[in-house]
Amino acid sequence: MCHYLRGWWVSLRPKETEVRMDTEHEVDLLIEEIRRLGSTGEDGKIRVKFGVLFADDKCANLFEALVGTLRAAKRKKKISFAGELLLQGVHDDVDIVLEID
């Protein structure tokens, strides 16, 4: 998207690298929150229920799009969860498992 400003066309879209860096930062914050709210399972991996993560006040303030951040982390294989999309209420009991140390 461009905007005309004083004789110049100016891009209003952030640079691709800036967007990627913001996603990395969001994923790192998500991992910290999973460690804070989660507990270690029998397999030694940290896990937290989606409902716990979604209902947490700190997470609500940190993440504009929690589900999008979860999907980005899953694509990077840093976390795992059943299914492709998590919805509040319907998927509150789904485990989000931290796949990295």
N, C-alpha and C. Protein backbone atom coordinates (compact mmCIF):
# COMPACT_ATOMS: atom_id res chain seq x y z
N MET A 1 0.84 -1.16 0.00
CA MET A 1 0.00 0.00 0.00
C MET A 1 0.90 1.24 0.00
N CYS A 2 0.56 2.20 -0.83
CA CYS A 2 1.34 3.43 -0.94
C CYS A 2 0.46 4.64 -0.65
N HIS A 3 1.12 5.69 -0.26
CA HIS A 3 0.43 6.94 0.06
C HIS A 3 1.18 8.07 -0.65
N TYR A 4 0.44 8.98 -1.26
CA TYR A 4 1.06 10.10 -1.96
C TYR A 4 1.31 11.23 -0.97
N LEU A 5 2.57 11.63 -0.82
CA LEU A 5 2.95 12.65 0.15
C LEU A 5 3.93 13.61 -0.48
N ARG A 6 3.52 14.84 -0.67
CA ARG A 6 4.38 15.91 -1.18
C ARG A 6 5.16 15.52 -2.44
N GLY A 7 4.45 14.96 -3.38
CA GLY A 7 5.09 14.62 -4.64
C GLY A 7 5.79 13.27 -4.66
N TRP A 8 5.74 12.50 -3.59
CA TRP A 8 6.40 11.20 -3.53
C TRP A 8 5.40 10.13 -3.14
N TRP A 9 5.57 8.96 -3.73
CA TRP A 9 4.80 7.81 -3.29
C TRP A 9 5.57 7.13 -2.17
N VAL A 10 4.94 7.01 -1.02
CA VAL A 10 5.60 6.45 0.16
C VAL A 10 4.89 5.16 0.55
N SER A 11 5.66 4.12 0.74
CA SER A 11 5.11 2.84 1.15
C SER A 11 4.74 2.88 2.63
N LEU A 12 3.52 2.46 2.93
CA LEU A 12 3.08 2.40 4.32
C LEU A 12 3.27 1.01 4.91
N ARG A 13 3.73 0.09 4.09
CA ARG A 13 3.94 -1.28 4.53
C ARG A 13 5.33 -1.41 5.14
N PRO A 14 5.45 -2.01 6.34
CA PRO A 14 6.78 -2.19 6.93
C PRO A 14 7.62 -3.12 6.07
N LYS A 15 8.90 -2.97 6.20
CA LYS A 15 9.81 -3.84 5.46
C LYS A 15 9.60 -5.29 5.88
N GLU A 16 9.79 -6.20 4.96
CA GLU A 16 9.57 -7.61 5.23
C GLU A 16 10.44 -8.10 6.38
N THR A 17 11.67 -7.61 6.46
CA THR A 17 12.56 -8.05 7.54
C THR A 17 12.05 -7.57 8.89
N GLU A 18 11.44 -6.38 8.94
CA GLU A 18 10.90 -5.88 10.21
C GLU A 18 9.74 -6.74 10.67
N VAL A 19 8.90 -7.14 9.73
CA VAL A 19 7.77 -8.00 10.07
C VAL A 19 8.27 -9.33 10.59
N ARG A 20 9.27 -9.90 9.94
CA ARG A 20 9.82 -11.18 10.36
C ARG A 20 10.42 -11.06 11.76
N MET A 21 11.13 -9.96 12.04
CA MET A 21 11.73 -9.78 13.36
C MET A 21 10.64 -9.66 14.41
N ASP A 22 9.54 -8.97 14.12
CA ASP A 22 8.45 -8.85 15.08
C ASP A 22 7.83 -10.20 15.36
N THR A 23 7.69 -11.04 14.35
CA THR A 23 7.15 -12.38 14.54
C THR A 23 8.07 -13.20 15.43
N GLU A 24 9.36 -13.13 15.17
CA GLU A 24 10.33 -13.84 16.02
C GLU A 24 10.22 -13.38 17.48
N HIS A 25 10.10 -12.10 17.67
CA HIS A 25 9.99 -11.55 19.02
C HIS A 25 8.72 -12.04 19.70
N GLU A 26 7.60 -12.03 18.96
CA GLU A 26 6.33 -12.50 19.51
C GLU A 26 6.41 -13.98 19.89
N VAL A 27 7.05 -14.79 19.05
CA VAL A 27 7.20 -16.22 19.33
C VAL A 27 8.06 -16.41 20.58
N ASP A 28 9.13 -15.63 20.71
CA ASP A 28 9.97 -15.72 21.91
C ASP A 28 9.19 -15.35 23.17
N LEU A 29 8.36 -14.31 23.09
CA LEU A 29 7.52 -13.94 24.23
C LEU A 29 6.53 -15.05 24.56
N LEU A 30 5.97 -15.67 23.53
CA LEU A 30 5.03 -16.77 23.74
C LEU A 30 5.70 -17.93 24.47
N ILE A 31 6.92 -18.25 24.07
CA ILE A 31 7.66 -19.34 24.72
C ILE A 31 7.89 -19.02 26.20
N GLU A 32 8.23 -17.79 26.51
CA GLU A 32 8.40 -17.38 27.91
C GLU A 32 7.10 -17.57 28.69
N GLU A 33 5.98 -17.20 28.09
CA GLU A 33 4.69 -17.33 28.78
C GLU A 33 4.28 -18.78 28.95
N ILE A 34 4.58 -19.62 27.99
CA ILE A 34 4.29 -21.05 28.14
C ILE A 34 5.11 -21.62 29.29
N ARG A 35 6.36 -21.22 29.39
CA ARG A 35 7.21 -21.67 30.52
C ARG A 35 6.66 -21.17 31.85
N ARG A 36 6.17 -19.94 31.88
CA ARG A 36 5.64 -19.35 33.11
C ARG A 36 4.36 -20.04 33.56
N LEU A 37 3.47 -20.30 32.62
CA LEU A 37 2.15 -20.83 32.96
C LEU A 37 2.07 -22.36 32.94
N GLY A 38 2.99 -23.00 32.24
CA GLY A 38 2.90 -24.43 32.03
C GLY A 38 3.52 -25.27 33.13
N SER A 39 3.39 -26.55 32.95
CA SER A 39 4.01 -27.51 33.88
C SER A 39 4.62 -28.63 33.04
N THR A 40 5.55 -29.33 33.65
CA THR A 40 6.26 -30.41 32.96
C THR A 40 5.41 -31.66 32.96
N GLY A 41 5.22 -32.24 31.77
CA GLY A 41 4.45 -33.47 31.63
C GLY A 41 5.31 -34.69 31.87
N GLU A 42 4.71 -35.85 31.73
CA GLU A 42 5.41 -37.12 31.93
C GLU A 42 6.55 -37.30 30.94
N ASP A 43 6.43 -36.68 29.77
CA ASP A 43 7.46 -36.79 28.75
C ASP A 43 8.60 -35.79 28.95
N GLY A 44 8.50 -34.97 30.00
CA GLY A 44 9.55 -33.99 30.30
C GLY A 44 9.38 -32.67 29.57
N LYS A 45 8.34 -32.55 28.75
CA LYS A 45 8.10 -31.31 28.00
C LYS A 45 7.12 -30.42 28.76
N ILE A 46 7.33 -29.12 28.63
CA ILE A 46 6.43 -28.15 29.27
C ILE A 46 5.18 -28.01 28.42
N ARG A 47 4.03 -28.03 29.08
CA ARG A 47 2.77 -27.91 28.38
C ARG A 47 1.80 -27.04 29.16
N VAL A 48 0.92 -26.39 28.44
CA VAL A 48 -0.10 -25.54 29.04
C VAL A 48 -1.38 -25.67 28.23
N LYS A 49 -2.51 -25.61 28.88
CA LYS A 49 -3.79 -25.66 28.18
C LYS A 49 -4.03 -24.33 27.46
N PHE A 50 -4.63 -24.39 26.28
CA PHE A 50 -4.93 -23.19 25.52
C PHE A 50 -5.81 -22.24 26.32
N GLY A 51 -6.78 -22.76 27.04
CA GLY A 51 -7.68 -21.91 27.83
C GLY A 51 -6.95 -21.13 28.90
N VAL A 52 -5.94 -21.74 29.52
CA VAL A 52 -5.13 -21.06 30.54
C VAL A 52 -4.35 -19.92 29.90
N LEU A 53 -3.74 -20.20 28.78
CA LEU A 53 -2.95 -19.19 28.06
C LEU A 53 -3.85 -18.04 27.59
N PHE A 54 -5.01 -18.39 27.05
CA PHE A 54 -5.92 -17.38 26.51
C PHE A 54 -6.51 -16.50 27.61
N ALA A 55 -6.79 -17.08 28.79
CA ALA A 55 -7.42 -16.34 29.88
C ALA A 55 -6.44 -15.52 30.71
N ASP A 56 -5.15 -15.75 30.56
CA ASP A 56 -4.15 -15.04 31.36
C ASP A 56 -4.10 -13.56 30.98
N ASP A 57 -4.16 -12.70 32.00
CA ASP A 57 -4.15 -11.24 31.77
C ASP A 57 -2.89 -10.75 31.09
N LYS A 58 -1.74 -11.28 31.53
CA LYS A 58 -0.48 -10.84 30.93
C LYS A 58 -0.42 -11.21 29.44
N CYS A 59 -0.87 -12.40 29.10
CA CYS A 59 -0.89 -12.82 27.69
C CYS A 59 -1.86 -11.97 26.89
N ALA A 60 -2.99 -11.65 27.48
CA ALA A 60 -3.97 -10.81 26.78
C ALA A 60 -3.38 -9.44 26.46
N ASN A 61 -2.55 -8.93 27.34
CA ASN A 61 -1.93 -7.62 27.10
C ASN A 61 -0.72 -7.71 26.16
N LEU A 62 -0.03 -8.84 26.14
CA LEU A 62 1.16 -8.99 25.31
C LEU A 62 0.84 -9.26 23.84
N PHE A 63 -0.16 -10.08 23.60
CA PHE A 63 -0.40 -10.57 22.24
C PHE A 63 -1.68 -10.00 21.66
N GLU A 64 -1.53 -9.29 20.53
CA GLU A 64 -2.71 -8.80 19.83
C GLU A 64 -3.45 -9.95 19.17
N ALA A 65 -2.71 -10.91 18.67
CA ALA A 65 -3.30 -12.05 17.97
C ALA A 65 -2.64 -13.33 18.48
N LEU A 66 -3.10 -13.81 19.62
CA LEU A 66 -2.50 -14.99 20.25
C LEU A 66 -2.54 -16.20 19.31
N VAL A 67 -3.67 -16.42 18.66
CA VAL A 67 -3.80 -17.58 17.78
C VAL A 67 -2.82 -17.49 16.62
N GLY A 68 -2.62 -16.31 16.07
CA GLY A 68 -1.65 -16.13 14.99
C GLY A 68 -0.23 -16.40 15.46
N THR A 69 0.09 -15.95 16.66
CA THR A 69 1.42 -16.20 17.22
C THR A 69 1.62 -17.70 17.48
N LEU A 70 0.58 -18.37 17.96
CA LEU A 70 0.66 -19.81 18.16
C LEU A 70 0.89 -20.54 16.84
N ARG A 71 0.20 -20.12 15.80
CA ARG A 71 0.39 -20.76 14.48
C ARG A 71 1.80 -20.52 13.95
N ALA A 72 2.33 -19.31 14.16
CA ALA A 72 3.70 -19.01 13.71
C ALA A 72 4.70 -19.88 14.46
N ALA A 73 4.52 -20.04 15.76
CA ALA A 73 5.42 -20.87 16.56
C ALA A 73 5.32 -22.33 16.15
N LYS A 74 4.12 -22.78 15.81
CA LYS A 74 3.94 -24.16 15.36
C LYS A 74 4.64 -24.38 14.02
N ARG A 75 4.52 -23.42 13.10
CA ARG A 75 5.20 -23.52 11.80
C ARG A 75 6.71 -23.62 11.97
N LYS A 76 7.23 -22.94 12.99
CA LYS A 76 8.67 -22.96 13.26
C LYS A 76 9.07 -24.16 14.10
N LYS A 77 8.09 -25.02 14.41
CA LYS A 77 8.29 -26.25 15.17
C LYS A 77 8.83 -26.00 16.59
N LYS A 78 8.45 -24.85 17.15
CA LYS A 78 8.84 -24.54 18.53
C LYS A 78 7.80 -25.02 19.52
N ILE A 79 6.56 -25.17 19.05
CA ILE A 79 5.49 -25.72 19.87
C ILE A 79 4.70 -26.71 19.01
N SER A 80 3.84 -27.47 19.68
CA SER A 80 2.92 -28.35 18.95
C SER A 80 1.58 -28.33 19.66
N PHE A 81 0.53 -28.54 18.89
CA PHE A 81 -0.81 -28.71 19.43
C PHE A 81 -1.65 -29.42 18.38
N ALA A 82 -2.72 -30.05 18.83
CA ALA A 82 -3.59 -30.79 17.92
C ALA A 82 -4.40 -29.81 17.07
N GLY A 83 -4.53 -30.13 15.80
CA GLY A 83 -5.33 -29.31 14.90
C GLY A 83 -4.54 -28.17 14.31
N GLU A 84 -5.24 -27.36 13.51
CA GLU A 84 -4.63 -26.23 12.83
C GLU A 84 -4.96 -24.90 13.49
N LEU A 85 -6.17 -24.80 14.05
CA LEU A 85 -6.66 -23.54 14.57
C LEU A 85 -7.29 -23.77 15.94
N LEU A 86 -7.00 -22.89 16.89
CA LEU A 86 -7.56 -23.01 18.23
C LEU A 86 -8.56 -21.87 18.45
N LEU A 87 -9.72 -22.22 18.98
CA LEU A 87 -10.77 -21.24 19.26
C LEU A 87 -11.10 -21.25 20.74
N GLN A 88 -11.30 -20.07 21.30
CA GLN A 88 -11.63 -19.96 22.72
C GLN A 88 -12.93 -20.70 22.99
N GLY A 89 -12.97 -21.39 24.11
CA GLY A 89 -14.14 -22.15 24.49
C GLY A 89 -14.12 -23.55 23.92
N VAL A 90 -14.04 -23.66 22.62
CA VAL A 90 -14.06 -24.96 21.95
C VAL A 90 -12.80 -25.76 22.23
N HIS A 91 -11.65 -25.09 22.24
CA HIS A 91 -10.36 -25.77 22.37
C HIS A 91 -9.62 -25.43 23.67
N ASP A 92 -10.34 -25.03 24.70
CA ASP A 92 -9.69 -24.64 25.96
C ASP A 92 -8.87 -25.76 26.59
N ASP A 93 -9.24 -27.02 26.35
CA ASP A 93 -8.53 -28.16 26.96
C ASP A 93 -7.42 -28.72 26.09
N VAL A 94 -7.11 -28.08 24.97
CA VAL A 94 -6.04 -28.56 24.10
C VAL A 94 -4.69 -28.18 24.69
N ASP A 95 -3.79 -29.17 24.75
CA ASP A 95 -2.43 -28.93 25.25
C ASP A 95 -1.59 -28.24 24.20
N ILE A 96 -0.87 -27.21 24.62
CA ILE A 96 0.16 -26.58 23.80
C ILE A 96 1.48 -27.04 24.41
N VAL A 97 2.27 -27.74 23.61
CA VAL A 97 3.49 -28.39 24.11
C VAL A 97 4.70 -27.65 23.57
N LEU A 98 5.61 -27.28 24.47
CA LEU A 98 6.85 -26.62 24.10
C LEU A 98 7.81 -27.69 23.59
N GLU A 99 8.27 -27.56 22.35
CA GLU A 99 9.10 -28.57 21.71
C GLU A 99 10.60 -28.25 21.77
N ILE A 100 10.95 -27.10 22.32
CA ILE A 100 12.36 -26.72 22.46
C ILE A 100 12.70 -26.58 23.93
N ASP A 101 13.98 -26.61 24.25
CA ASP A 101 14.41 -26.48 25.65
C ASP A 101 14.44 -25.06 26.12
